[in-house]
């Protein structure tokens, strides 16, 4: 397998970005399932996944030359952001996992404040970065909810 092919497979979220309807949401669902499994096994595995998806995503986006265009099938950024959002869960539970999905998608689509600022960069870090920031904001909200209402997200 060539490096270009590896870059395309990684950038597409292992093919999930080729879903014909709402590829970003499809990529987020696949990322959520994998990320929930990683989190259930170990928060350290999820953290490692976040780092690898973020850095690997920057490499893949540069490799395939997709940074400026941000094609819809490139969803590795959804993987990184969705996994970062899961790091905000105070406990593992399906309600929290669902809340992480909804909050991440909300911040990713609406692009409030810092998410929009990062999105304006037209390079690989901009393509990846807006989702990383959206995931971080979702994680902060989840931490605040977990602190204010213990047990709600379990």
N, C-alpha and C. Protein backbone atom coordinates (compact mmCIF):
# COMPACT_ATOMS: atom_id res chain seq x y z
N UNK A 1 0.85 -1.17 0.00
CA UNK A 1 0.00 0.00 0.00
C UNK A 1 0.90 1.24 0.00
N UNK A 2 0.60 2.19 -0.88
CA UNK A 2 1.42 3.40 -0.98
C UNK A 2 1.06 4.39 0.13
N UNK A 3 1.95 5.34 0.36
CA UNK A 3 1.68 6.37 1.37
C UNK A 3 0.47 7.21 1.01
N UNK A 4 0.25 7.45 -0.29
CA UNK A 4 -0.93 8.20 -0.72
C UNK A 4 -2.21 7.44 -0.36
N UNK A 5 -2.19 6.14 -0.58
CA UNK A 5 -3.35 5.30 -0.26
C UNK A 5 -3.59 5.27 1.25
N UNK A 6 -2.52 5.14 2.02
CA UNK A 6 -2.65 5.15 3.49
C UNK A 6 -3.22 6.49 3.94
N UNK A 7 -2.74 7.58 3.35
CA UNK A 7 -3.27 8.91 3.68
C UNK A 7 -4.74 9.04 3.38
N UNK A 8 -5.17 8.49 2.25
CA UNK A 8 -6.59 8.56 1.87
C UNK A 8 -7.46 7.72 2.81
N UNK A 9 -6.99 6.53 3.16
CA UNK A 9 -7.74 5.66 4.09
C UNK A 9 -7.87 6.33 5.45
N UNK A 10 -6.78 6.89 5.94
CA UNK A 10 -6.80 7.56 7.24
C UNK A 10 -7.68 8.81 7.20
N UNK A 11 -7.50 9.64 6.17
CA UNK A 11 -8.28 10.88 6.05
C UNK A 11 -9.78 10.60 5.98
N UNK A 12 -10.15 9.50 5.35
CA UNK A 12 -11.58 9.16 5.20
C UNK A 12 -12.15 8.47 6.43
N UNK A 13 -11.39 8.41 7.50
CA UNK A 13 -11.89 7.72 8.70
C UNK A 13 -12.12 6.25 8.42
N UNK A 14 -11.14 5.64 7.73
CA UNK A 14 -11.19 4.22 7.36
C UNK A 14 -12.41 3.91 6.49
N UNK A 15 -12.75 4.89 5.63
CA UNK A 15 -13.84 4.71 4.68
C UNK A 15 -15.17 5.29 5.12
N UNK A 16 -15.31 5.65 6.37
CA UNK A 16 -16.60 6.16 6.86
C UNK A 16 -16.97 7.50 6.22
N UNK A 17 -16.00 8.23 5.72
CA UNK A 17 -16.28 9.50 5.07
C UNK A 17 -16.91 9.36 3.70
N UNK A 18 -16.96 8.15 3.17
CA UNK A 18 -17.57 7.93 1.87
C UNK A 18 -19.05 7.57 1.98
N UNK A 19 -19.62 7.65 3.18
CA UNK A 19 -21.05 7.43 3.35
C UNK A 19 -21.77 8.49 2.51
N UNK A 20 -22.80 8.10 1.72
CA UNK A 20 -23.38 9.04 0.75
C UNK A 20 -24.17 10.20 1.36
N UNK A 21 -24.64 10.07 2.59
CA UNK A 21 -25.43 11.13 3.22
C UNK A 21 -24.72 11.57 4.50
N UNK A 22 -24.54 12.86 4.67
CA UNK A 22 -23.94 13.45 5.88
C UNK A 22 -22.67 12.71 6.31
N UNK A 23 -21.62 12.74 5.48
CA UNK A 23 -20.41 12.00 5.82
C UNK A 23 -19.75 12.45 7.13
N UNK A 24 -19.87 13.72 7.48
CA UNK A 24 -19.30 14.18 8.75
C UNK A 24 -19.98 13.54 9.94
N UNK A 25 -21.30 13.44 9.87
CA UNK A 25 -22.05 12.79 10.95
C UNK A 25 -21.77 11.30 10.95
N UNK A 26 -21.69 10.69 9.77
CA UNK A 26 -21.37 9.26 9.70
C UNK A 26 -19.99 8.99 10.29
N UNK A 27 -19.02 9.83 9.97
CA UNK A 27 -17.69 9.69 10.54
C UNK A 27 -17.71 9.85 12.05
N UNK A 28 -18.52 10.79 12.53
CA UNK A 28 -18.63 11.00 13.98
C UNK A 28 -19.25 9.80 14.68
N UNK A 29 -20.23 9.16 14.05
CA UNK A 29 -20.86 7.97 14.64
C UNK A 29 -19.84 6.84 14.74
N UNK A 30 -19.10 6.61 13.66
CA UNK A 30 -18.07 5.56 13.68
C UNK A 30 -17.02 5.89 14.74
N UNK A 31 -16.59 7.15 14.78
CA UNK A 31 -15.61 7.57 15.79
C UNK A 31 -16.16 7.39 17.20
N UNK A 32 -17.44 7.70 17.39
CA UNK A 32 -18.06 7.56 18.71
C UNK A 32 -18.04 6.10 19.17
N UNK A 33 -18.38 5.19 18.29
CA UNK A 33 -18.40 3.77 18.64
C UNK A 33 -17.00 3.30 19.02
N UNK A 34 -16.02 3.64 18.20
CA UNK A 34 -14.64 3.24 18.50
C UNK A 34 -14.15 3.93 19.77
N UNK A 35 -14.41 5.23 19.88
CA UNK A 35 -13.96 5.99 21.04
C UNK A 35 -14.59 5.51 22.34
N UNK A 36 -15.88 5.16 22.30
CA UNK A 36 -16.54 4.65 23.51
C UNK A 36 -15.89 3.34 23.94
N UNK A 37 -15.53 2.51 22.96
CA UNK A 37 -14.83 1.26 23.29
C UNK A 37 -13.46 1.52 23.89
N UNK A 38 -12.73 2.47 23.32
CA UNK A 38 -11.42 2.82 23.87
C UNK A 38 -11.55 3.36 25.29
N UNK A 39 -12.52 4.25 25.50
CA UNK A 39 -12.73 4.82 26.83
C UNK A 39 -13.13 3.76 27.84
N UNK A 40 -13.99 2.84 27.41
CA UNK A 40 -14.42 1.76 28.31
C UNK A 40 -13.23 0.89 28.72
N UNK A 41 -12.30 0.69 27.78
CA UNK A 41 -11.11 -0.11 28.08
C UNK A 41 -10.14 0.66 28.97
N UNK A 42 -9.87 1.92 28.61
CA UNK A 42 -8.91 2.72 29.38
C UNK A 42 -8.92 4.15 28.86
N UNK A 43 -8.99 5.12 29.76
CA UNK A 43 -8.91 6.51 29.34
C UNK A 43 -7.57 6.79 28.66
N UNK A 44 -6.54 6.04 29.04
CA UNK A 44 -5.22 6.22 28.42
C UNK A 44 -5.22 5.78 26.97
N UNK A 45 -5.97 4.73 26.64
CA UNK A 45 -6.10 4.31 25.24
C UNK A 45 -6.80 5.39 24.43
N UNK A 46 -7.85 5.97 25.02
CA UNK A 46 -8.57 7.04 24.33
C UNK A 46 -7.66 8.25 24.13
N UNK A 47 -6.91 8.61 25.14
CA UNK A 47 -5.98 9.74 25.03
C UNK A 47 -4.94 9.49 23.94
N UNK A 48 -4.40 8.28 23.90
CA UNK A 48 -3.45 7.91 22.84
C UNK A 48 -4.13 8.02 21.47
N UNK A 49 -5.37 7.55 21.37
CA UNK A 49 -6.12 7.66 20.13
C UNK A 49 -6.30 9.11 19.69
N UNK A 50 -6.57 10.00 20.65
CA UNK A 50 -6.72 11.43 20.34
C UNK A 50 -5.44 11.99 19.73
N UNK A 51 -4.32 11.66 20.34
CA UNK A 51 -3.03 12.16 19.85
C UNK A 51 -2.74 11.60 18.46
N UNK A 52 -2.93 10.29 18.30
CA UNK A 52 -2.65 9.66 17.00
C UNK A 52 -3.59 10.16 15.91
N UNK A 53 -4.87 10.32 16.22
CA UNK A 53 -5.82 10.82 15.23
C UNK A 53 -5.49 12.26 14.84
N UNK A 54 -5.11 13.07 15.82
CA UNK A 54 -4.79 14.48 15.54
C UNK A 54 -3.53 14.61 14.68
N UNK A 55 -2.45 13.99 15.12
CA UNK A 55 -1.19 14.09 14.37
C UNK A 55 -1.26 13.31 13.05
N UNK A 56 -1.85 12.12 13.09
CA UNK A 56 -2.02 11.33 11.87
C UNK A 56 -2.93 12.03 10.88
N UNK A 57 -3.94 12.73 11.39
CA UNK A 57 -4.85 13.47 10.53
C UNK A 57 -4.15 14.62 9.83
N UNK A 58 -3.32 15.35 10.55
CA UNK A 58 -2.56 16.44 9.93
C UNK A 58 -1.66 15.87 8.82
N UNK A 59 -0.99 14.76 9.11
CA UNK A 59 -0.13 14.14 8.10
C UNK A 59 -0.96 13.71 6.89
N UNK A 60 -2.09 13.04 7.13
CA UNK A 60 -2.91 12.52 6.03
C UNK A 60 -3.47 13.65 5.17
N UNK A 61 -3.96 14.70 5.80
CA UNK A 61 -4.52 15.83 5.06
C UNK A 61 -3.45 16.49 4.20
N UNK A 62 -2.25 16.63 4.74
CA UNK A 62 -1.15 17.18 3.95
C UNK A 62 -0.78 16.23 2.82
N UNK A 63 -0.74 14.96 3.11
CA UNK A 63 -0.32 13.95 2.12
C UNK A 63 -1.24 13.95 0.91
N UNK A 64 -2.55 14.05 1.14
CA UNK A 64 -3.50 13.99 0.02
C UNK A 64 -3.80 15.38 -0.56
N UNK A 65 -3.24 16.42 0.05
CA UNK A 65 -3.43 17.78 -0.46
C UNK A 65 -4.84 18.31 -0.31
N UNK A 66 -5.50 17.96 0.78
CA UNK A 66 -6.91 18.33 0.96
C UNK A 66 -7.13 19.50 1.90
N UNK A 67 -6.08 20.11 2.41
CA UNK A 67 -6.23 21.12 3.47
C UNK A 67 -7.10 22.30 3.06
N UNK A 68 -6.82 22.90 1.91
CA UNK A 68 -7.55 24.10 1.52
C UNK A 68 -8.98 23.79 1.10
N UNK A 69 -9.20 22.65 0.46
CA UNK A 69 -10.52 22.32 -0.07
C UNK A 69 -11.46 21.77 1.00
N UNK A 70 -10.94 21.07 2.00
CA UNK A 70 -11.73 20.41 3.05
C UNK A 70 -12.89 19.61 2.46
N UNK A 71 -12.58 18.59 1.65
CA UNK A 71 -13.65 17.79 1.05
C UNK A 71 -14.46 17.06 2.12
N UNK A 72 -15.74 16.85 1.84
CA UNK A 72 -16.65 16.23 2.80
C UNK A 72 -16.24 14.85 3.25
N UNK A 73 -15.54 14.11 2.41
CA UNK A 73 -15.18 12.74 2.76
C UNK A 73 -14.01 12.68 3.74
N UNK A 74 -13.32 13.79 3.97
CA UNK A 74 -12.24 13.82 4.96
C UNK A 74 -12.87 13.98 6.34
N UNK A 75 -12.85 12.89 7.12
CA UNK A 75 -13.52 12.89 8.43
C UNK A 75 -12.59 12.50 9.57
N UNK A 76 -11.30 12.41 9.33
CA UNK A 76 -10.38 12.09 10.42
C UNK A 76 -10.43 13.18 11.48
N UNK A 77 -10.78 14.40 11.07
CA UNK A 77 -10.94 15.49 12.04
C UNK A 77 -12.11 15.22 12.98
N UNK A 78 -13.16 14.58 12.48
CA UNK A 78 -14.28 14.19 13.34
C UNK A 78 -13.84 13.15 14.37
N UNK A 79 -12.98 12.23 13.96
CA UNK A 79 -12.46 11.23 14.90
C UNK A 79 -11.73 11.92 16.05
N UNK A 80 -10.81 12.83 15.71
CA UNK A 80 -10.03 13.51 16.75
C UNK A 80 -10.94 14.31 17.68
N UNK A 81 -11.83 15.09 17.12
CA UNK A 81 -12.72 15.92 17.93
C UNK A 81 -13.70 15.13 18.77
N UNK A 82 -14.28 14.09 18.17
CA UNK A 82 -15.24 13.26 18.91
C UNK A 82 -14.55 12.57 20.07
N UNK A 83 -13.36 12.06 19.84
CA UNK A 83 -12.63 11.38 20.91
C UNK A 83 -12.24 12.35 22.02
N UNK A 84 -11.84 13.57 21.66
CA UNK A 84 -11.51 14.57 22.68
C UNK A 84 -12.74 14.88 23.53
N UNK A 85 -13.91 14.97 22.90
CA UNK A 85 -15.13 15.25 23.67
C UNK A 85 -15.38 14.17 24.72
N UNK A 86 -15.07 12.92 24.39
CA UNK A 86 -15.29 11.82 25.33
C UNK A 86 -14.38 11.91 26.56
N UNK A 87 -13.26 12.61 26.43
CA UNK A 87 -12.35 12.77 27.57
C UNK A 87 -12.99 13.60 28.69
N UNK A 88 -14.05 14.34 28.38
CA UNK A 88 -14.73 15.16 29.38
C UNK A 88 -15.72 14.41 30.24
N UNK A 89 -15.95 13.15 29.95
CA UNK A 89 -16.94 12.39 30.72
C UNK A 89 -16.39 12.05 32.10
N UNK A 90 -17.14 12.39 33.16
CA UNK A 90 -16.68 12.07 34.50
C UNK A 90 -16.75 10.57 34.80
N UNK A 91 -17.69 9.89 34.17
CA UNK A 91 -17.83 8.43 34.30
C UNK A 91 -18.26 7.89 32.95
N UNK A 92 -18.02 6.58 32.73
CA UNK A 92 -18.43 5.97 31.48
C UNK A 92 -19.91 5.60 31.59
N UNK A 93 -20.69 6.00 30.63
CA UNK A 93 -22.11 5.65 30.58
C UNK A 93 -22.69 6.08 29.25
N UNK A 94 -23.71 5.39 28.79
CA UNK A 94 -24.27 5.68 27.47
C UNK A 94 -24.89 7.06 27.38
N UNK A 95 -25.47 7.57 28.48
CA UNK A 95 -26.03 8.93 28.44
C UNK A 95 -24.92 9.95 28.18
N UNK A 96 -23.79 9.76 28.84
CA UNK A 96 -22.66 10.66 28.63
C UNK A 96 -22.09 10.55 27.23
N UNK A 97 -21.99 9.34 26.72
CA UNK A 97 -21.48 9.13 25.36
C UNK A 97 -22.39 9.83 24.35
N UNK A 98 -23.70 9.68 24.52
CA UNK A 98 -24.65 10.35 23.63
C UNK A 98 -24.54 11.87 23.76
N UNK A 99 -24.41 12.37 24.99
CA UNK A 99 -24.24 13.81 25.20
C UNK A 99 -22.97 14.31 24.53
N UNK A 100 -21.89 13.54 24.61
CA UNK A 100 -20.63 13.92 23.96
C UNK A 100 -20.83 14.03 22.44
N UNK A 101 -21.56 13.09 21.87
CA UNK A 101 -21.84 13.12 20.43
C UNK A 101 -22.61 14.38 20.05
N UNK A 102 -23.70 14.64 20.77
CA UNK A 102 -24.56 15.79 20.44
C UNK A 102 -23.80 17.10 20.62
N UNK A 103 -23.08 17.25 21.73
CA UNK A 103 -22.35 18.49 21.97
C UNK A 103 -21.24 18.70 20.94
N UNK A 104 -20.50 17.64 20.63
CA UNK A 104 -19.44 17.78 19.63
C UNK A 104 -20.02 18.20 18.29
N UNK A 105 -21.07 17.54 17.84
CA UNK A 105 -21.66 17.89 16.54
C UNK A 105 -22.20 19.32 16.55
N UNK A 106 -22.81 19.73 17.66
CA UNK A 106 -23.33 21.09 17.78
C UNK A 106 -22.21 22.12 17.63
N UNK A 107 -21.11 21.93 18.38
CA UNK A 107 -19.99 22.87 18.29
C UNK A 107 -19.31 22.80 16.93
N UNK A 108 -19.23 21.61 16.34
CA UNK A 108 -18.57 21.45 15.04
C UNK A 108 -19.37 22.12 13.93
N UNK A 109 -20.68 22.01 13.98
CA UNK A 109 -21.52 22.59 12.92
C UNK A 109 -21.70 24.10 13.12
N UNK A 110 -21.98 24.54 14.35
CA UNK A 110 -22.24 25.96 14.62
C UNK A 110 -20.96 26.80 14.60
N UNK A 111 -19.83 26.19 14.92
CA UNK A 111 -18.52 26.85 14.93
C UNK A 111 -18.50 28.15 15.74
N UNK A 112 -18.90 28.09 17.02
CA UNK A 112 -18.88 29.31 17.83
C UNK A 112 -17.45 29.72 18.19
N UNK A 113 -17.25 31.03 18.34
CA UNK A 113 -16.00 31.59 18.85
C UNK A 113 -14.73 30.95 18.34
N UNK A 114 -13.97 30.32 19.24
CA UNK A 114 -12.66 29.79 18.86
C UNK A 114 -12.72 28.68 17.80
N UNK A 115 -13.83 27.98 17.71
CA UNK A 115 -13.96 26.94 16.68
C UNK A 115 -13.93 27.61 15.30
N UNK A 116 -14.69 28.68 15.15
CA UNK A 116 -14.72 29.42 13.89
C UNK A 116 -13.40 30.09 13.57
N UNK A 117 -12.73 30.60 14.60
CA UNK A 117 -11.44 31.25 14.38
C UNK A 117 -10.44 30.26 13.79
N UNK A 118 -10.38 29.08 14.38
CA UNK A 118 -9.44 28.06 13.90
C UNK A 118 -9.85 27.58 12.51
N UNK A 119 -11.15 27.48 12.27
CA UNK A 119 -11.66 27.00 10.98
C UNK A 119 -11.24 27.92 9.83
N UNK A 120 -10.96 29.16 10.10
CA UNK A 120 -10.57 30.10 9.04
C UNK A 120 -9.18 29.83 8.49
N UNK A 121 -8.38 29.08 9.22
CA UNK A 121 -7.06 28.68 8.69
C UNK A 121 -7.28 27.70 7.55
N UNK A 122 -6.63 27.92 6.47
CA UNK A 122 -6.80 27.05 5.30
C UNK A 122 -5.58 26.17 5.10
N UNK A 123 -5.25 25.43 6.16
CA UNK A 123 -4.15 24.48 6.10
C UNK A 123 -4.57 23.24 6.89
N UNK A 124 -3.68 22.27 6.99
CA UNK A 124 -4.02 21.01 7.66
C UNK A 124 -4.37 21.22 9.12
N UNK A 125 -3.68 22.15 9.79
CA UNK A 125 -3.99 22.42 11.20
C UNK A 125 -5.36 23.07 11.35
N UNK A 126 -5.75 23.88 10.38
CA UNK A 126 -7.09 24.48 10.42
C UNK A 126 -8.17 23.44 10.20
N UNK A 127 -7.95 22.55 9.23
CA UNK A 127 -8.93 21.50 8.96
C UNK A 127 -9.12 20.61 10.18
N UNK A 128 -8.02 20.23 10.82
CA UNK A 128 -8.10 19.39 12.01
C UNK A 128 -8.47 20.19 13.25
N UNK A 129 -7.96 21.41 13.33
CA UNK A 129 -8.04 22.19 14.55
C UNK A 129 -9.43 22.60 14.97
N UNK A 130 -10.31 22.94 14.01
CA UNK A 130 -11.65 23.35 14.42
C UNK A 130 -12.39 22.22 15.13
N UNK A 131 -12.17 20.99 14.68
CA UNK A 131 -12.81 19.85 15.34
C UNK A 131 -12.15 19.54 16.68
N UNK A 132 -10.85 19.74 16.76
CA UNK A 132 -10.14 19.54 18.03
C UNK A 132 -10.67 20.54 19.07
N UNK A 133 -10.84 21.80 18.66
CA UNK A 133 -11.37 22.81 19.58
C UNK A 133 -12.83 22.51 19.92
N UNK A 134 -13.63 22.11 18.92
CA UNK A 134 -15.03 21.75 19.18
C UNK A 134 -15.11 20.60 20.18
N UNK A 135 -14.23 19.61 20.03
CA UNK A 135 -14.19 18.50 20.99
C UNK A 135 -13.79 18.97 22.37
N UNK A 136 -12.84 19.91 22.44
CA UNK A 136 -12.42 20.46 23.72
C UNK A 136 -13.54 21.22 24.41
N UNK A 137 -14.30 22.01 23.64
CA UNK A 137 -15.43 22.73 24.22
C UNK A 137 -16.50 21.76 24.72
N UNK A 138 -16.78 20.73 23.93
CA UNK A 138 -17.75 19.72 24.37
C UNK A 138 -17.28 19.05 25.65
N UNK A 139 -15.99 18.74 25.74
CA UNK A 139 -15.44 18.12 26.94
C UNK A 139 -15.60 19.03 28.15
N UNK A 140 -15.35 20.33 27.98
CA UNK A 140 -15.52 21.28 29.08
C UNK A 140 -16.96 21.33 29.57
N UNK A 141 -17.91 21.33 28.63
CA UNK A 141 -19.33 21.33 29.01
C UNK A 141 -19.66 20.05 29.77
N UNK A 142 -19.18 18.92 29.28
CA UNK A 142 -19.44 17.65 29.95
C UNK A 142 -18.85 17.63 31.36
N UNK A 143 -17.66 18.18 31.52
CA UNK A 143 -17.05 18.24 32.86
C UNK A 143 -17.89 19.12 33.79
N UNK A 144 -18.36 20.25 33.28
CA UNK A 144 -19.18 21.16 34.09
C UNK A 144 -20.50 20.49 34.49
N UNK A 145 -21.13 19.81 33.54
CA UNK A 145 -22.38 19.10 33.84
C UNK A 145 -22.13 17.99 34.85
N UNK A 146 -21.04 17.25 34.67
CA UNK A 146 -20.70 16.19 35.61
C UNK A 146 -20.43 16.71 37.01
N UNK A 147 -19.86 17.90 37.10
CA UNK A 147 -19.59 18.51 38.41
C UNK A 147 -20.88 19.02 39.04
N UNK A 148 -21.73 19.68 38.22
CA UNK A 148 -22.97 20.28 38.74
C UNK A 148 -24.04 19.24 39.06
N UNK A 149 -24.10 18.19 38.27
CA UNK A 149 -25.12 17.15 38.45
C UNK A 149 -24.47 15.77 38.43
N UNK A 150 -23.80 15.41 39.51
CA UNK A 150 -23.12 14.10 39.56
C UNK A 150 -24.12 12.96 39.26
N UNK A 151 -23.68 12.04 38.46
CA UNK A 151 -24.52 10.88 38.13
C UNK A 151 -25.39 11.07 36.91
N UNK A 152 -25.58 12.30 36.44
CA UNK A 152 -26.46 12.54 35.30
C UNK A 152 -25.95 11.89 34.03
N UNK A 153 -24.64 11.88 33.84
CA UNK A 153 -24.06 11.38 32.60
C UNK A 153 -23.66 9.91 32.66
N UNK A 154 -23.87 9.26 33.80
CA UNK A 154 -23.46 7.87 33.97
C UNK A 154 -24.33 6.87 33.28
